[in-house]
């Protein structure tokens, strides 16, 4: 993993990248936990998920490089598009 880090970012990025997987997993589990909850609760969790994924995206933009960075950022963009789509359909009425 260290080889894909930009040279100037390596010390803090290694730690930040180490926490992103756990952060994303917790966020997804939280989403799954509110599937049958009232819409307002689901909306709050989806909005928090968007905020979490956006923070992870910032870490990836700063700390990754090359093809891995491009692929991971593309995947996160898809997640953000999906979550924002749910918010638009369900929450912003």
N, C-alpha and C. Protein backbone atom coordinates (compact mmCIF):
# COMPACT_ATOMS: atom_id res chain seq x y z
N UNK A 1 0.83 -1.19 0.00
CA UNK A 1 0.00 0.00 0.00
C UNK A 1 0.87 1.24 0.00
N UNK A 2 1.95 1.25 0.74
CA UNK A 2 2.80 2.42 0.84
C UNK A 2 3.32 2.87 -0.51
N UNK A 3 3.52 1.95 -1.43
CA UNK A 3 4.04 2.33 -2.74
C UNK A 3 3.06 3.18 -3.54
N UNK A 4 1.78 3.13 -3.20
CA UNK A 4 0.81 3.93 -3.92
C UNK A 4 0.56 5.29 -3.26
N UNK A 5 1.28 5.57 -2.17
CA UNK A 5 1.13 6.84 -1.49
C UNK A 5 2.02 7.89 -2.11
N UNK A 6 1.50 9.10 -2.30
CA UNK A 6 2.37 10.19 -2.71
C UNK A 6 3.44 10.41 -1.63
N UNK A 7 4.66 10.68 -2.02
CA UNK A 7 5.79 10.74 -1.10
C UNK A 7 5.56 11.70 0.06
N UNK A 8 5.04 12.88 -0.18
CA UNK A 8 4.87 13.88 0.87
C UNK A 8 3.75 13.52 1.85
N UNK A 9 2.85 12.66 1.46
CA UNK A 9 1.69 12.36 2.29
C UNK A 9 1.83 11.10 3.12
N UNK A 10 2.85 10.32 2.92
CA UNK A 10 2.95 8.97 3.48
C UNK A 10 2.74 8.86 4.99
N UNK A 11 3.38 9.66 5.85
CA UNK A 11 3.24 9.42 7.29
C UNK A 11 1.80 9.50 7.81
N UNK A 12 1.08 10.57 7.55
CA UNK A 12 -0.28 10.68 8.06
C UNK A 12 -1.26 9.84 7.24
N UNK A 13 -0.98 9.69 5.97
CA UNK A 13 -1.90 8.95 5.10
C UNK A 13 -1.98 7.47 5.46
N UNK A 14 -0.89 6.89 5.85
CA UNK A 14 -0.91 5.47 6.18
C UNK A 14 -1.92 5.22 7.30
N UNK A 15 -1.92 6.06 8.30
CA UNK A 15 -2.86 5.93 9.42
C UNK A 15 -4.29 6.20 8.95
N UNK A 16 -4.49 7.26 8.18
CA UNK A 16 -5.83 7.61 7.71
C UNK A 16 -6.41 6.52 6.81
N UNK A 17 -5.61 5.99 5.92
CA UNK A 17 -6.08 4.93 5.04
C UNK A 17 -6.44 3.68 5.84
N UNK A 18 -5.73 3.46 6.92
CA UNK A 18 -6.01 2.30 7.76
C UNK A 18 -7.37 2.36 8.43
N UNK A 19 -7.87 3.56 8.64
CA UNK A 19 -9.17 3.69 9.30
C UNK A 19 -10.34 3.79 8.32
N UNK A 20 -10.07 4.05 7.05
CA UNK A 20 -11.17 4.27 6.11
C UNK A 20 -12.03 3.03 5.90
N UNK A 21 -11.42 1.86 5.84
CA UNK A 21 -12.21 0.63 5.65
C UNK A 21 -13.20 0.44 6.79
N UNK A 22 -12.71 0.61 8.01
CA UNK A 22 -13.57 0.44 9.18
C UNK A 22 -14.69 1.47 9.17
N UNK A 23 -14.35 2.69 8.84
CA UNK A 23 -15.33 3.77 8.78
C UNK A 23 -16.43 3.47 7.76
N UNK A 24 -16.03 3.01 6.59
CA UNK A 24 -17.01 2.68 5.55
C UNK A 24 -17.88 1.49 5.94
N UNK A 25 -17.27 0.48 6.52
CA UNK A 25 -18.03 -0.70 6.95
C UNK A 25 -19.08 -0.30 7.99
N UNK A 26 -18.69 0.51 8.96
CA UNK A 26 -19.64 0.96 9.98
C UNK A 26 -20.79 1.74 9.35
N UNK A 27 -20.47 2.58 8.38
CA UNK A 27 -21.51 3.38 7.73
C UNK A 27 -22.49 2.49 6.96
N UNK A 28 -21.97 1.51 6.24
CA UNK A 28 -22.84 0.58 5.49
C UNK A 28 -23.70 -0.23 6.46
N UNK A 29 -23.12 -0.69 7.55
CA UNK A 29 -23.90 -1.44 8.54
C UNK A 29 -24.99 -0.56 9.14
N UNK A 30 -24.69 0.69 9.36
CA UNK A 30 -25.69 1.62 9.88
C UNK A 30 -26.84 1.77 8.87
N UNK A 31 -26.50 1.88 7.59
CA UNK A 31 -27.54 1.95 6.55
C UNK A 31 -28.43 0.71 6.58
N UNK A 32 -27.80 -0.44 6.66
CA UNK A 32 -28.56 -1.69 6.68
C UNK A 32 -29.45 -1.79 7.91
N UNK A 33 -29.01 -1.18 8.99
CA UNK A 33 -29.76 -1.24 10.24
C UNK A 33 -31.03 -0.41 10.26
N UNK A 34 -31.18 0.49 9.29
CA UNK A 34 -32.37 1.36 9.28
C UNK A 34 -33.29 1.07 8.10
N UNK A 35 -33.12 -0.07 7.47
CA UNK A 35 -33.92 -0.42 6.30
C UNK A 35 -35.41 -0.33 6.58
N UNK A 36 -35.83 -0.76 7.77
CA UNK A 36 -37.25 -0.76 8.10
C UNK A 36 -37.63 0.37 9.06
N UNK A 37 -36.74 1.32 9.23
CA UNK A 37 -36.99 2.46 10.12
C UNK A 37 -37.86 3.49 9.41
N UNK A 38 -38.41 4.43 10.16
CA UNK A 38 -39.17 5.52 9.53
C UNK A 38 -38.29 6.31 8.56
N UNK A 39 -38.94 6.90 7.56
CA UNK A 39 -38.20 7.61 6.51
C UNK A 39 -37.28 8.69 7.05
N UNK A 40 -37.73 9.44 8.05
CA UNK A 40 -36.88 10.52 8.55
C UNK A 40 -35.59 9.98 9.15
N UNK A 41 -35.68 8.83 9.79
CA UNK A 41 -34.48 8.20 10.35
C UNK A 41 -33.58 7.68 9.22
N UNK A 42 -34.18 7.08 8.20
CA UNK A 42 -33.40 6.61 7.06
C UNK A 42 -32.70 7.78 6.37
N UNK A 43 -33.41 8.88 6.22
CA UNK A 43 -32.83 10.05 5.56
C UNK A 43 -31.63 10.57 6.33
N UNK A 44 -31.74 10.62 7.64
CA UNK A 44 -30.62 11.09 8.46
C UNK A 44 -29.41 10.19 8.29
N UNK A 45 -29.64 8.88 8.24
CA UNK A 45 -28.54 7.94 8.09
C UNK A 45 -27.94 8.04 6.69
N UNK A 46 -28.76 8.20 5.67
CA UNK A 46 -28.23 8.37 4.31
C UNK A 46 -27.40 9.65 4.20
N UNK A 47 -27.87 10.71 4.83
CA UNK A 47 -27.10 11.97 4.79
C UNK A 47 -25.76 11.80 5.51
N UNK A 48 -25.77 11.08 6.63
CA UNK A 48 -24.52 10.82 7.34
C UNK A 48 -23.60 9.95 6.49
N UNK A 49 -24.17 8.99 5.78
CA UNK A 49 -23.38 8.12 4.90
C UNK A 49 -22.69 8.95 3.81
N UNK A 50 -23.43 9.88 3.23
CA UNK A 50 -22.84 10.76 2.21
C UNK A 50 -21.68 11.56 2.81
N UNK A 51 -21.86 12.07 4.01
CA UNK A 51 -20.79 12.83 4.67
C UNK A 51 -19.58 11.94 4.93
N UNK A 52 -19.82 10.72 5.37
CA UNK A 52 -18.73 9.78 5.65
C UNK A 52 -17.97 9.43 4.38
N UNK A 53 -18.70 9.08 3.32
CA UNK A 53 -18.06 8.71 2.06
C UNK A 53 -17.31 9.90 1.47
N UNK A 54 -17.83 11.09 1.64
CA UNK A 54 -17.14 12.29 1.15
C UNK A 54 -15.81 12.49 1.87
N UNK A 55 -15.79 12.24 3.17
CA UNK A 55 -14.54 12.35 3.93
C UNK A 55 -13.54 11.29 3.49
N UNK A 56 -14.02 10.08 3.26
CA UNK A 56 -13.14 9.01 2.78
C UNK A 56 -12.59 9.38 1.41
N UNK A 57 -13.43 9.95 0.56
CA UNK A 57 -12.98 10.37 -0.76
C UNK A 57 -11.85 11.40 -0.65
N UNK A 58 -11.98 12.33 0.28
CA UNK A 58 -10.92 13.32 0.49
C UNK A 58 -9.60 12.65 0.87
N UNK A 59 -9.67 11.65 1.73
CA UNK A 59 -8.46 10.92 2.12
C UNK A 59 -7.87 10.21 0.91
N UNK A 60 -8.70 9.54 0.13
CA UNK A 60 -8.21 8.83 -1.05
C UNK A 60 -7.59 9.80 -2.06
N UNK A 61 -8.23 10.95 -2.27
CA UNK A 61 -7.69 11.93 -3.21
C UNK A 61 -6.31 12.39 -2.79
N UNK A 62 -6.13 12.59 -1.50
CA UNK A 62 -4.88 13.09 -0.97
C UNK A 62 -3.81 12.01 -0.82
N UNK A 63 -4.23 10.80 -0.51
CA UNK A 63 -3.27 9.79 -0.06
C UNK A 63 -2.98 8.67 -1.05
N UNK A 64 -3.80 8.47 -2.04
CA UNK A 64 -3.55 7.41 -3.01
C UNK A 64 -3.04 8.01 -4.31
N UNK A 65 -2.46 7.16 -5.13
CA UNK A 65 -2.02 7.60 -6.46
C UNK A 65 -2.17 6.45 -7.44
N UNK A 66 -2.07 6.79 -8.70
CA UNK A 66 -2.07 5.78 -9.75
C UNK A 66 -3.43 5.15 -9.99
N UNK A 67 -3.39 3.94 -10.53
CA UNK A 67 -4.61 3.24 -10.93
C UNK A 67 -5.50 2.91 -9.74
N UNK A 68 -4.90 2.57 -8.60
CA UNK A 68 -5.70 2.26 -7.40
C UNK A 68 -6.51 3.49 -6.98
N UNK A 69 -5.88 4.64 -7.00
CA UNK A 69 -6.57 5.89 -6.65
C UNK A 69 -7.75 6.10 -7.60
N UNK A 70 -7.50 5.99 -8.89
CA UNK A 70 -8.55 6.21 -9.88
C UNK A 70 -9.72 5.25 -9.68
N UNK A 71 -9.42 3.97 -9.48
CA UNK A 71 -10.47 2.96 -9.31
C UNK A 71 -11.25 3.19 -8.02
N UNK A 72 -10.54 3.47 -6.93
CA UNK A 72 -11.22 3.68 -5.65
C UNK A 72 -12.08 4.94 -5.68
N UNK A 73 -11.58 6.00 -6.30
CA UNK A 73 -12.37 7.23 -6.40
C UNK A 73 -13.61 7.03 -7.27
N UNK A 74 -13.46 6.27 -8.34
CA UNK A 74 -14.62 5.99 -9.21
C UNK A 74 -15.68 5.21 -8.43
N UNK A 75 -15.24 4.24 -7.65
CA UNK A 75 -16.18 3.45 -6.86
C UNK A 75 -16.90 4.34 -5.83
N UNK A 76 -16.15 5.22 -5.17
CA UNK A 76 -16.77 6.11 -4.20
C UNK A 76 -17.76 7.07 -4.86
N UNK A 77 -17.44 7.53 -6.05
CA UNK A 77 -18.37 8.41 -6.78
C UNK A 77 -19.69 7.68 -7.04
N UNK A 78 -19.61 6.40 -7.40
CA UNK A 78 -20.82 5.60 -7.60
C UNK A 78 -21.63 5.47 -6.33
N UNK A 79 -20.96 5.25 -5.22
CA UNK A 79 -21.64 5.15 -3.92
C UNK A 79 -22.33 6.47 -3.59
N UNK A 80 -21.62 7.58 -3.82
CA UNK A 80 -22.21 8.89 -3.55
C UNK A 80 -23.41 9.16 -4.46
N UNK A 81 -23.29 8.81 -5.73
CA UNK A 81 -24.42 8.99 -6.65
C UNK A 81 -25.63 8.20 -6.19
N UNK A 82 -25.41 6.94 -5.80
CA UNK A 82 -26.52 6.10 -5.33
C UNK A 82 -27.17 6.68 -4.08
N UNK A 83 -26.36 7.06 -3.11
CA UNK A 83 -26.90 7.59 -1.85
C UNK A 83 -27.62 8.91 -2.07
N UNK A 84 -27.04 9.78 -2.88
CA UNK A 84 -27.70 11.05 -3.18
C UNK A 84 -28.99 10.84 -3.95
N UNK A 85 -29.04 9.80 -4.79
CA UNK A 85 -30.27 9.46 -5.49
C UNK A 85 -31.37 9.04 -4.54
N UNK A 86 -31.01 8.23 -3.55
CA UNK A 86 -31.99 7.82 -2.54
C UNK A 86 -32.49 9.04 -1.77
N UNK A 87 -31.58 9.91 -1.39
CA UNK A 87 -31.97 11.12 -0.66
C UNK A 87 -32.92 11.97 -1.50
N UNK A 88 -32.61 12.12 -2.77
CA UNK A 88 -33.47 12.93 -3.65
C UNK A 88 -34.86 12.33 -3.78
N UNK A 89 -34.94 11.00 -3.89
CA UNK A 89 -36.24 10.34 -4.05
C UNK A 89 -37.04 10.30 -2.75
N UNK A 90 -36.37 10.03 -1.67
CA UNK A 90 -37.07 9.74 -0.43
C UNK A 90 -37.13 10.93 0.54
N UNK A 91 -36.13 11.77 0.51
CA UNK A 91 -36.00 12.76 1.58
C UNK A 91 -36.29 14.19 1.16
N UNK A 92 -36.05 14.51 -0.06
CA UNK A 92 -36.17 15.90 -0.51
C UNK A 92 -37.49 16.16 -1.21
N UNK A 93 -38.56 15.67 -0.60
CA UNK A 93 -39.89 15.86 -1.20
C UNK A 93 -40.56 17.07 -0.62
